[in-house]
Protein backbone atom coordinates (compact mmCIF):
# COMPACT_ATOMS: atom_id res chain seq x y z
CA UNK A 1 55.43 87.17 160.67
CA UNK A 2 56.03 90.03 162.82
CA UNK A 3 59.95 90.44 164.48
CA UNK A 4 60.71 91.79 167.71
CA UNK A 5 64.26 92.51 166.61
CA UNK A 6 64.74 94.24 170.99
CA UNK A 7 64.69 90.18 171.99
CA UNK A 8 66.90 88.68 169.51
CA UNK A 9 70.72 88.70 170.35
CA UNK A 10 72.98 89.74 168.12
CA UNK A 11 74.08 86.67 166.23
CA UNK A 12 70.48 86.29 165.33
CA UNK A 13 69.95 89.86 164.52
CA UNK A 14 73.31 89.31 162.31
CA UNK A 15 72.29 86.39 160.33
CA UNK A 16 68.44 88.27 159.66
CA UNK A 17 69.56 91.09 157.92
CA UNK A 18 71.69 89.19 156.14
CA UNK A 19 68.91 87.56 154.43
CA UNK A 20 66.88 91.16 153.60
CA UNK A 21 70.12 92.81 152.27
CA UNK A 22 70.42 89.48 150.23
CA UNK A 23 66.80 89.63 149.71
CA UNK A 24 67.00 93.13 148.61
CA UNK A 25 70.13 93.10 146.07
CA UNK A 26 68.53 90.35 144.00
CA UNK A 27 64.93 91.55 143.32
CA UNK A 28 62.77 89.40 141.03
CA UNK A 29 62.04 89.52 137.32
CA UNK A 30 59.00 88.87 135.45
CA UNK A 31 58.56 88.72 132.07
CA UNK A 32 55.93 86.92 129.93
CA UNK A 33 55.98 89.52 126.73
CA UNK A 34 57.56 89.33 123.45
CA UNK A 35 61.73 90.16 122.93
CA UNK A 36 61.65 92.16 120.28
CA UNK A 37 64.60 94.37 120.66
CA UNK A 38 68.34 93.49 122.51
CA UNK A 39 68.04 92.53 125.84
CA UNK A 40 69.81 91.41 128.59
CA UNK A 41 68.83 89.48 131.36
CA UNK A 42 71.68 89.86 134.53
CA UNK A 43 72.95 88.63 137.30
CA UNK A 44 71.62 91.29 139.13
CA UNK A 45 67.83 90.77 137.99
CA UNK A 46 67.11 87.27 138.47
CA UNK A 47 65.87 85.53 139.00
CA UNK A 48 63.99 85.75 135.88
CA UNK A 49 60.48 84.98 135.98
CA UNK A 50 59.06 83.42 132.99
CA UNK A 51 54.46 82.98 133.02
CA UNK A 52 54.19 82.39 130.10
CA UNK A 53 55.92 81.65 126.47
CA UNK A 54 58.45 83.55 126.04
CA UNK A 55 59.85 84.02 121.41
CA UNK A 56 63.26 86.70 120.35
CA UNK A 57 61.10 88.16 116.98
CA UNK A 58 62.54 90.51 115.19
CA UNK A 59 66.15 89.55 114.83
CA UNK A 60 66.84 90.97 118.21
CA UNK A 61 69.31 89.43 120.19
CA UNK A 62 68.67 87.48 124.20
CA UNK A 63 72.03 88.15 126.16
CA UNK A 64 71.76 85.68 129.38
CA UNK A 65 74.56 86.91 131.52
CA UNK A 66 76.81 84.15 133.70
CA UNK A 67 74.74 82.78 137.41
CA UNK A 68 71.73 84.13 135.98
CA UNK A 69 68.41 81.66 136.93
CA UNK A 70 65.35 81.06 134.80
CA UNK A 71 62.33 79.80 136.27
CA UNK A 72 59.72 79.06 133.78
CA UNK A 73 56.19 79.04 134.42
CA UNK A 74 53.90 75.63 133.54
CA UNK A 75 53.23 74.43 130.11
CA UNK A 76 55.60 78.01 129.40
CA UNK A 77 58.38 77.34 126.23
CA UNK A 78 61.67 79.97 125.50
CA UNK A 79 61.68 79.80 121.77
CA UNK A 80 63.88 81.91 119.59
CA UNK A 81 62.20 82.07 116.69
CA UNK A 82 64.52 84.92 114.52
CA UNK A 83 66.81 85.94 116.37
CA UNK A 84 69.68 84.55 118.26
CA UNK A 85 70.12 83.39 121.80
CA UNK A 86 74.10 84.21 124.02
CA UNK A 87 73.32 82.23 126.65
CA UNK A 88 77.34 81.90 127.53
CA UNK A 89 77.98 80.93 131.49
CA UNK A 90 81.49 80.02 132.57
CA UNK A 91 81.49 76.14 134.95
CA UNK A 92 82.00 77.88 137.91
CA UNK A 93 78.61 80.29 136.70
CA UNK A 94 76.54 77.81 134.92
CA UNK A 95 73.02 79.74 133.87
CA UNK A 96 69.66 77.55 134.59
CA UNK A 97 66.55 76.98 132.90
CA UNK A 98 63.87 75.18 135.49
CA UNK A 99 61.19 75.33 136.88
CA UNK A 100 59.43 78.00 138.89
CA UNK A 101 58.26 74.58 140.81
CA UNK A 102 62.16 74.63 141.62
CA UNK A 103 62.93 76.37 145.03
CA UNK A 104 63.28 76.10 148.82
CA UNK A 105 60.47 73.63 149.65
CA UNK A 106 59.51 72.82 146.20
CA UNK A 107 58.81 70.24 144.34
CA UNK A 108 59.94 70.19 140.90
CA UNK A 109 58.90 67.14 138.53
CA UNK A 110 59.64 66.61 134.55
CA UNK A 111 57.52 68.69 131.96
CA UNK A 112 57.24 71.29 134.60
CA UNK A 113 57.55 73.49 131.72
CA UNK A 114 57.56 73.18 127.56
CA UNK A 115 60.58 73.08 125.57
CA UNK A 116 63.46 75.66 125.04
CA UNK A 117 63.52 75.97 120.73
CA UNK A 118 65.23 77.29 118.25
CA UNK A 119 63.06 77.61 115.08
CA UNK A 120 63.95 77.98 111.89
CA UNK A 121 64.84 81.09 112.02
CA UNK A 122 67.42 81.36 115.11
CA UNK A 123 70.87 82.93 114.36
CA UNK A 124 73.72 80.49 113.99
CA UNK A 125 74.99 83.84 116.04
CA UNK A 126 72.75 80.85 119.25
CA UNK A 127 75.36 79.94 121.66
CA UNK A 128 74.66 78.54 124.81
CA UNK A 129 77.34 77.07 127.62
CA UNK A 130 78.04 76.27 130.68
CA UNK A 131 74.16 75.70 131.16
CA UNK A 132 71.91 73.35 133.50
CA UNK A 133 67.33 72.99 131.64
CA UNK A 134 65.62 71.50 134.07
CA UNK A 135 62.13 69.69 134.23
CA UNK A 136 60.89 71.05 131.57
CA UNK A 137 60.31 68.87 127.71
CA UNK A 138 63.48 68.75 126.38
CA UNK A 139 65.84 70.79 124.19
CA UNK A 140 64.01 71.19 121.02
CA UNK A 141 65.88 72.06 116.98
CA UNK A 142 63.31 72.90 114.36
CA UNK A 143 65.99 72.68 111.67
CA UNK A 144 68.55 75.45 113.00
CA UNK A 145 71.86 75.57 113.88
CA UNK A 146 72.78 76.61 117.37
CA UNK A 147 76.13 75.53 119.38
CA UNK A 148 75.90 73.88 123.00
CA UNK A 149 78.27 73.34 124.68
CA UNK A 150 79.10 71.72 128.40
CA UNK A 151 75.10 72.13 128.54
CA UNK A 152 73.76 69.71 130.71
CA UNK A 153 70.30 68.68 130.44
CA UNK A 154 67.62 67.11 133.29
CA UNK A 155 64.76 65.52 134.38
CA UNK A 156 63.16 66.03 130.72
CA UNK A 157 60.19 63.88 130.71
CA UNK A 158 61.44 64.40 126.51
CA UNK A 159 64.33 63.16 125.15
CA UNK A 160 66.81 65.91 126.60
CA UNK A 161 67.55 66.98 122.46
CA UNK A 162 65.11 67.05 119.97
CA UNK A 163 66.64 67.74 116.15
CA UNK A 164 64.31 67.39 113.06
CA UNK A 165 66.53 66.25 109.70
CA UNK A 166 66.60 70.20 108.16
CA UNK A 167 68.98 70.90 111.65
CA UNK A 168 72.94 70.61 111.88
CA UNK A 169 73.98 71.72 115.58
CA UNK A 170 77.49 71.43 116.76
CA UNK A 171 79.13 71.51 120.28
CA UNK A 172 80.45 69.31 123.32
CA UNK A 173 80.44 67.89 126.82
CA UNK A 174 76.71 67.93 126.21
CA UNK A 175 75.65 65.62 129.00
CA UNK A 176 71.90 63.70 129.83
CA UNK A 177 70.64 61.90 133.06
CA UNK A 178 66.83 61.50 134.33
CA UNK A 179 65.15 61.89 130.91
CA UNK A 180 62.84 60.14 128.41
CA UNK A 181 65.32 59.40 126.22
CA UNK A 182 68.58 60.58 127.65
CA UNK A 183 70.29 61.92 124.12
CA UNK A 184 69.17 63.30 121.09
CA UNK A 185 65.96 61.61 119.49
CA UNK A 186 65.67 62.27 116.40
CA UNK A 187 62.85 61.20 113.95
CA UNK A 188 62.81 59.04 111.03
CA UNK A 189 62.49 60.32 107.94
CA UNK A 190 64.69 61.09 105.12
CA UNK A 191 67.63 63.63 104.26
CA UNK A 192 67.72 65.28 101.21
CA UNK A 193 70.02 68.15 101.94
CA UNK A 194 73.39 68.51 103.60
CA UNK A 195 73.53 68.70 107.30
CA UNK A 196 76.43 67.74 110.10
CA UNK A 197 75.46 66.45 113.09
CA UNK A 198 78.39 67.82 115.07
CA UNK A 199 76.70 67.85 118.55
CA UNK A 200 79.44 65.58 120.91
CA UNK A 201 78.62 64.13 124.50
CA UNK A 202 75.34 62.45 124.25
CA UNK A 203 73.77 59.26 121.29
CA UNK A 204 72.02 60.75 118.66
CA UNK A 205 68.80 57.98 118.39
CA UNK A 206 66.30 56.90 115.75
CA UNK A 207 63.57 55.61 118.37
CA UNK A 208 61.52 53.90 115.57
CA UNK A 209 61.19 53.33 111.57
CA UNK A 210 64.07 54.56 108.66
CA UNK A 211 66.10 57.06 108.51
CA UNK A 212 67.82 57.54 104.92
CA UNK A 213 69.98 59.46 103.32
CA UNK A 214 68.81 60.96 100.60
CA UNK A 215 65.41 60.60 99.08
CA UNK A 216 63.77 56.47 100.03
CA UNK A 217 61.83 54.68 97.65
CA UNK A 218 58.16 55.55 97.45
CA UNK A 219 54.70 53.13 96.38
CA UNK A 220 52.47 54.40 96.39
CA UNK A 221 49.58 51.96 94.80
CA UNK A 222 49.58 48.38 94.49
CA UNK A 223 47.25 47.81 91.08
CA UNK A 224 45.54 45.32 91.51
CA UNK A 225 44.68 45.21 95.19
CA UNK A 226 43.18 42.51 95.52
CA UNK A 227 43.75 38.66 94.84
CA UNK A 228 41.78 35.42 95.17
CA UNK A 229 42.37 32.36 97.48
CA UNK A 230 44.02 29.82 95.44
CA UNK A 231 45.13 32.54 92.43
CA UNK A 232 48.14 34.75 90.49
CA UNK A 233 47.71 38.02 89.45
CA UNK A 234 50.52 39.99 87.74
CA UNK A 235 49.91 43.17 89.47
CA UNK A 236 52.09 46.59 88.79
CA UNK A 237 53.10 48.70 92.41
CA UNK A 238 53.56 52.39 91.38
CA UNK A 239 55.47 55.10 92.92
CA UNK A 240 59.27 56.39 92.63
CA UNK A 241 62.64 55.93 92.97
CA UNK A 242 62.39 52.43 92.56
CA UNK A 243 64.92 51.65 89.71
CA UNK A 244 66.95 48.42 90.50
CA UNK A 245 64.32 46.74 92.13
CA UNK A 246 65.36 43.12 92.54
CA UNK A 247 63.25 41.34 95.95
CA UNK A 248 59.82 41.31 96.54
CA UNK A 249 58.26 39.34 99.79
CA UNK A 250 55.57 39.00 102.09
CA UNK A 251 54.58 38.62 105.06
CA UNK A 252 52.23 35.30 104.41
CA UNK A 253 52.90 32.57 103.81
CA UNK A 254 50.84 32.00 101.51
CA UNK A 255 51.82 34.01 99.42
CA UNK A 256 54.89 34.39 96.95
CA UNK A 257 55.68 37.19 94.92
CA UNK A 258 58.67 37.82 92.31
CA UNK A 259 59.65 40.90 89.79
CA UNK A 260 58.98 40.53 86.21
CA UNK A 261 60.80 42.20 83.20
CA UNK A 262 59.52 45.94 82.10
CA UNK A 263 61.05 47.55 86.20
CA UNK A 264 61.47 51.18 85.57
CA UNK A 265 61.92 54.36 88.48
CA UNK A 266 58.66 54.60 89.40
CA UNK A 267 56.89 51.15 89.05
CA UNK A 268 57.73 47.36 89.39
CA UNK A 269 55.64 45.30 87.85
CA UNK A 270 54.94 41.41 90.43
CA UNK A 271 53.50 38.12 89.74
CA UNK A 272 51.48 37.15 93.12
CA UNK A 273 50.49 33.41 93.40
CA UNK A 274 47.92 32.55 96.47
CA UNK A 275 47.47 29.22 97.65
CA UNK A 276 44.07 28.23 98.50
CA UNK A 277 44.22 28.14 102.27
CA UNK A 278 46.13 31.27 102.74
CA UNK A 279 43.47 32.81 104.96
CA UNK A 280 42.41 36.00 103.56
CA UNK A 281 42.69 39.58 104.48
CA UNK A 282 45.74 42.03 104.38
CA UNK A 283 49.47 41.21 103.21
CA UNK A 284 51.99 43.39 103.84
CA UNK A 285 55.02 43.22 100.82
CA UNK A 286 58.28 45.04 100.93
CA UNK A 287 60.25 45.91 97.72
CA UNK A 288 64.29 45.84 98.16
CA UNK A 289 65.42 48.11 95.97
CA UNK A 290 69.17 50.37 94.90
CA UNK A 291 67.76 53.13 97.41
CA UNK A 292 66.75 50.60 99.98
CA UNK A 293 64.08 48.44 101.15
CA UNK A 294 60.32 50.36 101.25
CA UNK A 295 57.11 48.58 102.77
CA UNK A 296 54.11 48.30 101.93
CA UNK A 297 51.83 47.80 105.44
CA UNK A 298 48.39 45.94 104.20
CA UNK A 299 48.82 47.17 100.37
CA UNK A 300 47.31 43.99 98.76
CA UNK A 301 44.91 42.33 100.14
CA UNK A 302 43.69 38.05 99.83
CA UNK A 303 39.51 37.92 98.99
CA UNK A 304 37.90 34.97 99.34
CA UNK A 305 37.48 32.88 95.70
CA UNK A 306 35.48 33.54 93.11
CA UNK A 307 34.42 31.93 89.17
CA UNK A 308 37.06 34.21 87.79
CA UNK A 309 36.76 34.99 83.45
CA UNK A 310 40.99 35.54 83.44
CA UNK A 311 43.81 35.10 80.78
CA UNK A 312 46.91 35.16 81.25
CA UNK A 313 48.36 34.44 77.90
CA UNK A 314 47.76 34.26 74.04
CA UNK A 315 49.43 33.19 71.30
CA UNK A 316 50.83 34.28 68.32
CA UNK A 317 49.34 38.21 69.16
CA UNK A 318 49.03 38.93 66.09
CA UNK A 319 47.06 37.85 62.78
CA UNK A 320 47.55 39.27 58.95
CA UNK A 321 45.24 40.36 56.52
CA UNK A 322 43.81 37.14 54.15
CA UNK A 323 45.59 35.41 55.93
CA UNK A 324 44.38 32.81 58.65
CA UNK A 325 45.81 32.09 61.65
CA UNK A 326 45.42 28.78 64.57
CA UNK A 327 45.44 30.73 68.90
CA UNK A 328 45.72 29.58 71.94
CA UNK A 329 44.62 31.29 74.96
CA UNK A 330 45.66 30.73 78.46
CA UNK A 331 43.81 31.42 81.31
CA UNK A 332 40.71 30.69 84.18
CA UNK A 333 37.09 29.07 83.85
CA UNK A 334 37.77 29.86 80.24
CA UNK A 335 35.67 25.76 79.28
CA UNK A 336 33.00 26.71 77.91
CA UNK A 337 33.87 30.39 77.48
CA UNK A 338 32.99 32.70 74.78
CA UNK A 339 34.99 34.63 72.27
CA UNK A 340 33.87 37.81 70.76
CA UNK A 341 35.65 39.93 68.22
CA UNK A 342 35.13 43.65 67.76
CA UNK A 343 31.83 44.34 64.64
CA UNK A 344 32.83 44.79 62.02
CA UNK A 345 36.55 43.78 62.22
CA UNK A 346 36.79 41.11 59.09
CA UNK A 347 38.40 38.70 61.44
CA UNK A 348 35.81 35.84 61.71
CA UNK A 349 36.73 33.05 64.71
CA UNK A 350 35.84 28.72 64.00
CA UNK A 351 36.98 25.97 65.33
CA UNK A 352 37.13 27.19 68.74
CA UNK A 353 38.46 24.66 71.87
CA UNK A 354 37.93 25.49 75.27
CA UNK A 355 39.34 23.45 78.56
CA UNK A 356 39.75 24.61 82.04
CA UNK A 357 42.21 26.36 81.31
CA UNK A 358 42.75 26.92 77.13
CA UNK A 359 41.27 28.01 74.80
CA UNK A 360 42.45 27.21 70.80
CA UNK A 361 40.74 28.57 68.25
CA UNK A 362 41.25 29.70 64.17
CA UNK A 363 40.94 34.20 63.00
CA UNK A 364 40.63 34.90 59.40
CA UNK A 365 41.65 38.51 58.73
CA UNK A 366 39.90 39.01 55.06
CA UNK A 367 41.67 40.63 52.54
CA UNK A 368 40.35 43.98 53.66
CA UNK A 369 40.30 44.04 57.70
CA UNK A 370 40.99 47.38 58.89
CA UNK A 371 44.80 47.66 60.20
CA UNK A 372 45.58 48.75 63.42
CA UNK A 373 44.65 46.51 67.26
CA UNK A 374 41.60 44.61 68.47
CA UNK A 375 40.09 43.72 72.14
CA UNK A 376 38.92 40.78 72.37
CA UNK A 377 35.47 39.72 75.15
CA UNK A 378 35.73 36.68 76.88
CA UNK A 379 32.49 35.83 78.52
CA UNK A 380 31.23 32.74 80.06
CA UNK A 381 27.76 31.68 81.69
CA UNK A 382 30.30 29.57 84.16
CA UNK A 383 31.76 32.74 85.91
CA UNK A 384 28.79 35.60 85.82
CA UNK A 385 29.40 39.13 86.31
CA UNK A 386 34.01 38.86 84.97
CA UNK A 387 34.95 38.75 82.19
CA UNK A 388 38.36 39.40 80.00
CA UNK A 389 40.03 40.91 77.41
CA UNK A 390 42.50 40.48 75.02
CA UNK A 391 44.30 42.69 72.97
CA UNK A 392 45.76 41.55 69.15
CA UNK A 393 46.69 43.75 66.11
CA UNK A 394 46.05 43.38 62.85
CA UNK A 395 49.23 43.92 60.61
CA UNK A 396 49.61 43.91 56.09
CA UNK A 397 50.05 41.15 54.04
CA UNK A 398 53.73 39.68 54.67
CA UNK A 399 56.66 40.88 52.41
CA UNK A 400 59.19 39.12 50.77
CA UNK A 401 62.64 38.00 51.58
CA UNK A 402 65.18 38.85 48.35
CA UNK A 403 68.46 39.31 47.87
CA UNK A 404 71.65 42.06 46.41
CA UNK A 405 72.93 41.06 44.61
CA UNK A 406 69.95 38.63 42.98
CA UNK A 407 72.58 36.19 41.89
CA UNK A 408 74.53 34.43 44.64
CA UNK A 409 77.91 33.18 42.75
CA UNK A 410 81.59 33.71 45.05
CA UNK A 411 85.03 32.24 44.08
CA UNK A 412 85.69 28.74 46.54
CA UNK A 413 88.54 31.00 47.98
CA UNK A 414 86.95 31.49 51.92
CA UNK A 415 86.89 34.90 51.99
CA UNK A 416 83.80 37.35 53.88
CA UNK A 417 81.17 38.44 50.84
CA UNK A 418 78.12 40.69 51.49
CA UNK A 419 74.70 39.76 50.16
CA UNK A 420 72.06 42.07 51.49
CA UNK A 421 68.30 40.56 53.17
CA UNK A 422 66.19 42.74 51.69
CA UNK A 423 62.50 43.16 52.58
CA UNK A 424 59.52 43.96 49.74
CA UNK A 425 58.55 46.67 51.63
CA UNK A 426 58.66 48.00 55.19
CA UNK A 427 56.60 45.97 58.37
CA UNK A 428 55.68 47.39 61.74
CA UNK A 429 56.30 44.67 63.55
CA UNK A 430 60.31 42.71 63.41
CA UNK A 431 61.68 40.36 62.16
CA UNK A 432 64.03 36.86 63.27
CA UNK A 433 65.34 35.18 60.71
CA UNK A 434 67.55 31.62 60.16
CA UNK A 435 69.70 31.52 58.50
CA UNK A 436 71.48 27.94 57.13
CA UNK A 437 73.33 26.68 54.17
CA UNK A 438 72.63 23.13 52.69
CA UNK A 439 76.44 22.37 52.69
CA UNK A 440 78.21 23.56 54.83
CA UNK A 441 81.51 21.99 52.73
CA UNK A 442 80.64 24.24 49.93
CA UNK A 443 79.83 27.48 51.44
CA UNK A 444 78.60 29.20 55.62
CA UNK A 445 76.69 31.80 56.06
CA UNK A 446 77.14 34.31 59.15
CA UNK A 447 75.36 35.27 60.91
CA UNK A 448 73.35 32.09 61.67
CA UNK A 449 70.62 34.65 63.16
CA UNK A 450 69.98 37.56 63.07
CA UNK A 451 66.18 40.75 63.22
CA UNK A 452 65.70 43.38 61.17
CA UNK A 453 64.18 45.63 63.20
CA UNK A 454 60.33 47.50 62.74
CA UNK A 455 60.45 49.78 60.62
CA UNK A 456 63.39 49.32 59.07
CA UNK A 457 64.32 47.02 55.25
CA UNK A 458 67.28 44.90 55.35
CA UNK A 459 70.15 43.61 56.97
CA UNK A 460 73.36 42.47 55.84
CA UNK A 461 74.72 38.70 56.36
CA UNK A 462 77.92 37.63 54.80
CA UNK A 463 78.32 34.26 52.15
CA UNK A 464 82.81 33.03 51.90
CA UNK A 465 82.93 30.13 48.98
CA UNK A 466 85.32 26.52 50.37
CA UNK A 467 84.65 25.30 47.36
CA UNK A 468 83.88 24.14 44.10
CA UNK A 469 79.65 23.70 43.61
CA UNK A 470 76.45 24.87 44.50
CA UNK A 471 74.55 24.82 48.08
CA UNK A 472 70.84 26.14 48.88
CA UNK A 473 70.45 29.14 51.14
CA UNK A 474 67.75 28.44 53.30
CA UNK A 475 66.34 32.25 55.15
CA UNK A 476 63.36 31.36 57.89
CA UNK A 477 61.45 33.12 60.12
CA UNK A 478 58.15 32.86 62.66
CA UNK A 479 56.81 35.85 61.08
CA UNK A 480 57.62 35.46 56.77
CA UNK A 481 57.54 32.75 54.70
CA UNK A 482 60.00 30.53 53.63
CA UNK A 483 62.64 30.79 51.26
CA UNK A 484 65.31 29.69 49.35
CA UNK A 485 67.87 31.26 47.03
CA UNK A 486 70.91 29.08 45.07
CA UNK A 487 74.71 29.69 46.31
CA UNK A 488 77.85 29.35 43.23
CA UNK A 489 80.43 28.58 43.86
CA UNK A 490 82.93 28.64 40.72
CA UNK A 491 84.93 25.94 39.04
CA UNK A 492 88.89 25.65 38.53
CA UNK A 493 90.36 23.95 35.10
CA UNK A 494 93.94 24.13 34.87
CA UNK A 495 96.59 22.84 32.20
CA UNK A 496 96.65 23.62 28.79
CA UNK A 497 93.12 24.01 27.04
CA UNK A 498 92.33 24.08 23.09
CA UNK A 499 89.09 24.30 20.69
CA UNK A 500 85.97 23.99 22.33
CA UNK A 501 84.73 23.67 25.72
CA UNK A 502 81.61 23.15 27.35
CA UNK A 503 81.49 24.75 31.25
CA UNK A 504 79.49 23.72 33.72
CA UNK A 505 76.51 25.83 34.79
CA UNK A 506 78.86 27.86 37.29
CA UNK A 507 81.88 29.37 37.30
CA UNK A 508 84.77 28.37 34.79
CA UNK A 509 88.65 29.61 35.61
CA UNK A 510 90.35 29.36 31.27
CA UNK A 511 93.98 29.26 31.72
CA UNK A 512 96.34 29.27 28.71
CA UNK A 513 99.86 27.99 28.59
CA UNK A 514 102.98 30.14 26.53
CA UNK A 515 103.37 28.64 23.31
CA UNK A 516 100.80 26.44 22.87
CA UNK A 517 97.35 28.42 22.02
CA UNK A 518 97.27 32.32 20.58
CA UNK A 519 93.68 32.91 19.54
CA UNK A 520 91.35 34.14 21.54
CA UNK A 521 88.14 33.05 23.60
CA UNK A 522 84.69 34.41 22.68
CA UNK A 523 82.35 33.88 26.07
CA UNK A 524 78.79 33.27 25.04
CA UNK A 525 75.47 32.25 27.05
CA UNK A 526 75.32 34.99 30.06
CA UNK A 527 78.10 33.14 31.82
CA UNK A 528 78.53 33.52 35.55
CA UNK A 529 82.11 34.21 37.39
CA UNK A 530 84.20 33.70 34.43
CA UNK A 531 87.47 34.50 34.79
CA UNK A 532 90.23 34.04 32.00
CA UNK A 533 94.32 33.78 32.24
CA UNK A 534 97.01 33.67 30.11
CA UNK A 535 100.52 33.75 31.42
CA UNK A 536 103.54 35.55 29.69
CA UNK A 537 103.91 38.08 26.88
CA UNK A 538 103.65 35.29 24.15
CA UNK A 539 99.70 34.87 24.29
CA UNK A 540 98.22 38.18 22.62
CA UNK A 541 94.81 36.35 21.21
CA UNK A 542 91.47 38.49 23.00
CA UNK A 543 89.13 37.82 24.95
CA UNK A 544 85.05 38.61 24.28
CA UNK A 545 82.03 38.03 26.23
CA UNK A 546 78.19 38.13 25.41
CA UNK A 547 74.81 38.04 27.07
CA UNK A 548 74.82 39.53 30.86
CA UNK A 549 78.09 37.93 32.39
CA UNK A 550 78.16 38.30 35.97
CA UNK A 551 81.67 38.78 37.94
CA UNK A 552 83.88 37.72 34.47
CA UNK A 553 87.92 39.00 35.72
CA UNK A 554 90.37 38.38 32.57
CA UNK A 555 93.77 38.15 33.62
CA UNK A 556 96.52 39.33 31.74
CA UNK A 557 99.09 37.79 33.17
CA UNK A 558 99.74 34.88 35.90
CA UNK A 559 98.29 36.07 39.32
CA UNK A 560 97.01 40.00 37.09
CA UNK A 561 93.73 40.58 37.33
CA UNK A 562 93.04 43.73 33.73
CA UNK A 563 89.64 44.36 34.35
CA UNK A 564 86.59 42.76 35.49
CA UNK A 565 82.73 42.81 35.14
CA UNK A 566 79.99 42.91 37.67
CA UNK A 567 76.67 42.65 35.69
CA UNK A 568 74.06 39.64 36.95
CA UNK A 569 72.17 37.62 35.67
CA UNK A 570 69.81 34.44 36.65
CA UNK A 571 70.90 32.37 33.75
CA UNK A 572 74.04 29.78 34.63
CA UNK A 573 75.09 28.08 31.23
CA UNK A 574 78.12 29.50 30.26
CA UNK A 575 80.17 27.77 26.87
CA UNK A 576 83.52 28.95 26.22
CA UNK A 577 85.39 28.88 22.46
CA UNK A 578 88.39 29.76 20.89
CA UNK A 579 88.29 32.47 18.74
CA UNK A 580 91.47 32.57 16.63
């Protein structure tokens, strides 16, 4: 354009001169290289034209002075990768980052340039105040902690601020308008470290998914991952942080699931049942754990029903060598099934009777049968290409139970007496015992039930005598033979006793009154629980015992014990006579 200066009137000349002087005073500055040394973008160099990605690197500091305008080229980004950005304007002279088309007569649009990004290497000294960010893709904070005060983000094609979960930015007075999201977009995920969300003025937004403080529970596999129509299976969910699993649900009306016993931090056993009319296809599961809800999209599949041999249980699960036992399997397609035993197992099968859901049979193990786990293979010609394997254990012969003391003799004083139940050998399995007395008016036993754990050999009970008599202690167990033990509760004979006495076959108390009998007493015949009393000083006799006395007590004065003999015998016949 050519200007005819002489033809212009003075006011026009003054205006054009001012424009020319303004243009000379504010010459633009183009930036297209990384910033690796400290720089200052001053008002005298404004506007700054960034026509390529510019990164602040190598610990450099970029200072932008108040009133500076930075115009960003198409898709250009300003990135703080390893350094510091100091852009501190004022309310009167803000710093503006905008599109290169944001000029008089231009037509800027959202997303015309890239991001103002703060990466993990951003110094904590990075600070923005009174800064406008216009027409870009927003501010991105990636594991950094800048300070943003009075930052105004306008007309971004994305969220005003996009923040990774590792970030801890702070600031006040933020504003956002005309952006795709007028807030701070936070992704779904796990916050596993210590972070602070200290930006104020616009909201934090989790658009989709779940945000977890702490690691979320994870399920990696479901085994098995398929279930037939009309079938019920036991499956295992495997993953991490699954402790406290309390509920499992599905999104299919014909599929139900429940948590079985044995859940841990890494696995959750579940039972899944499918109706016959449930459509085939993928099913979503969800499990509630202590660490939160974990969803399993399409990890379980319902497949068409087909004949399948399956065993869901077998009882019992063991067999003793040299014995026979009846067994029952439950499952599907068992009618007409064949049960094969391992070669050289020393076990034979007989009396097999099957139905659609059960198989009853007898197994016999020879005395020389190898001890250990055995696998039974179940097949059926009606369900080809399928089979089921069931494991059982072969143990040594069952140990016997005895008592210590071997002869149980107690006084009728309601006091607790300890008795040990002992196995003849340590066993590889636990034994649940039930204890009962034939006559609970004579004696009581506690506890009524106890367990001798696998690897242990004994357990203690207490017996209390209530009144004179004999009763039987019966010990029963599903794993051991039933056995009975006699329990003797001693007799009491009060009053004057003169001459020979034949005792009852259980405990005898002999009482000598003063001035009546000055001789001695002889107890013969392997006595059990005999008590000899003498009252006061007149009785000067002696008491002698032969055989193998059991629980014998001698009293020198009424109620004062002089001694006790505690050897034991199974013979209970007792004779008491005077020896004067």
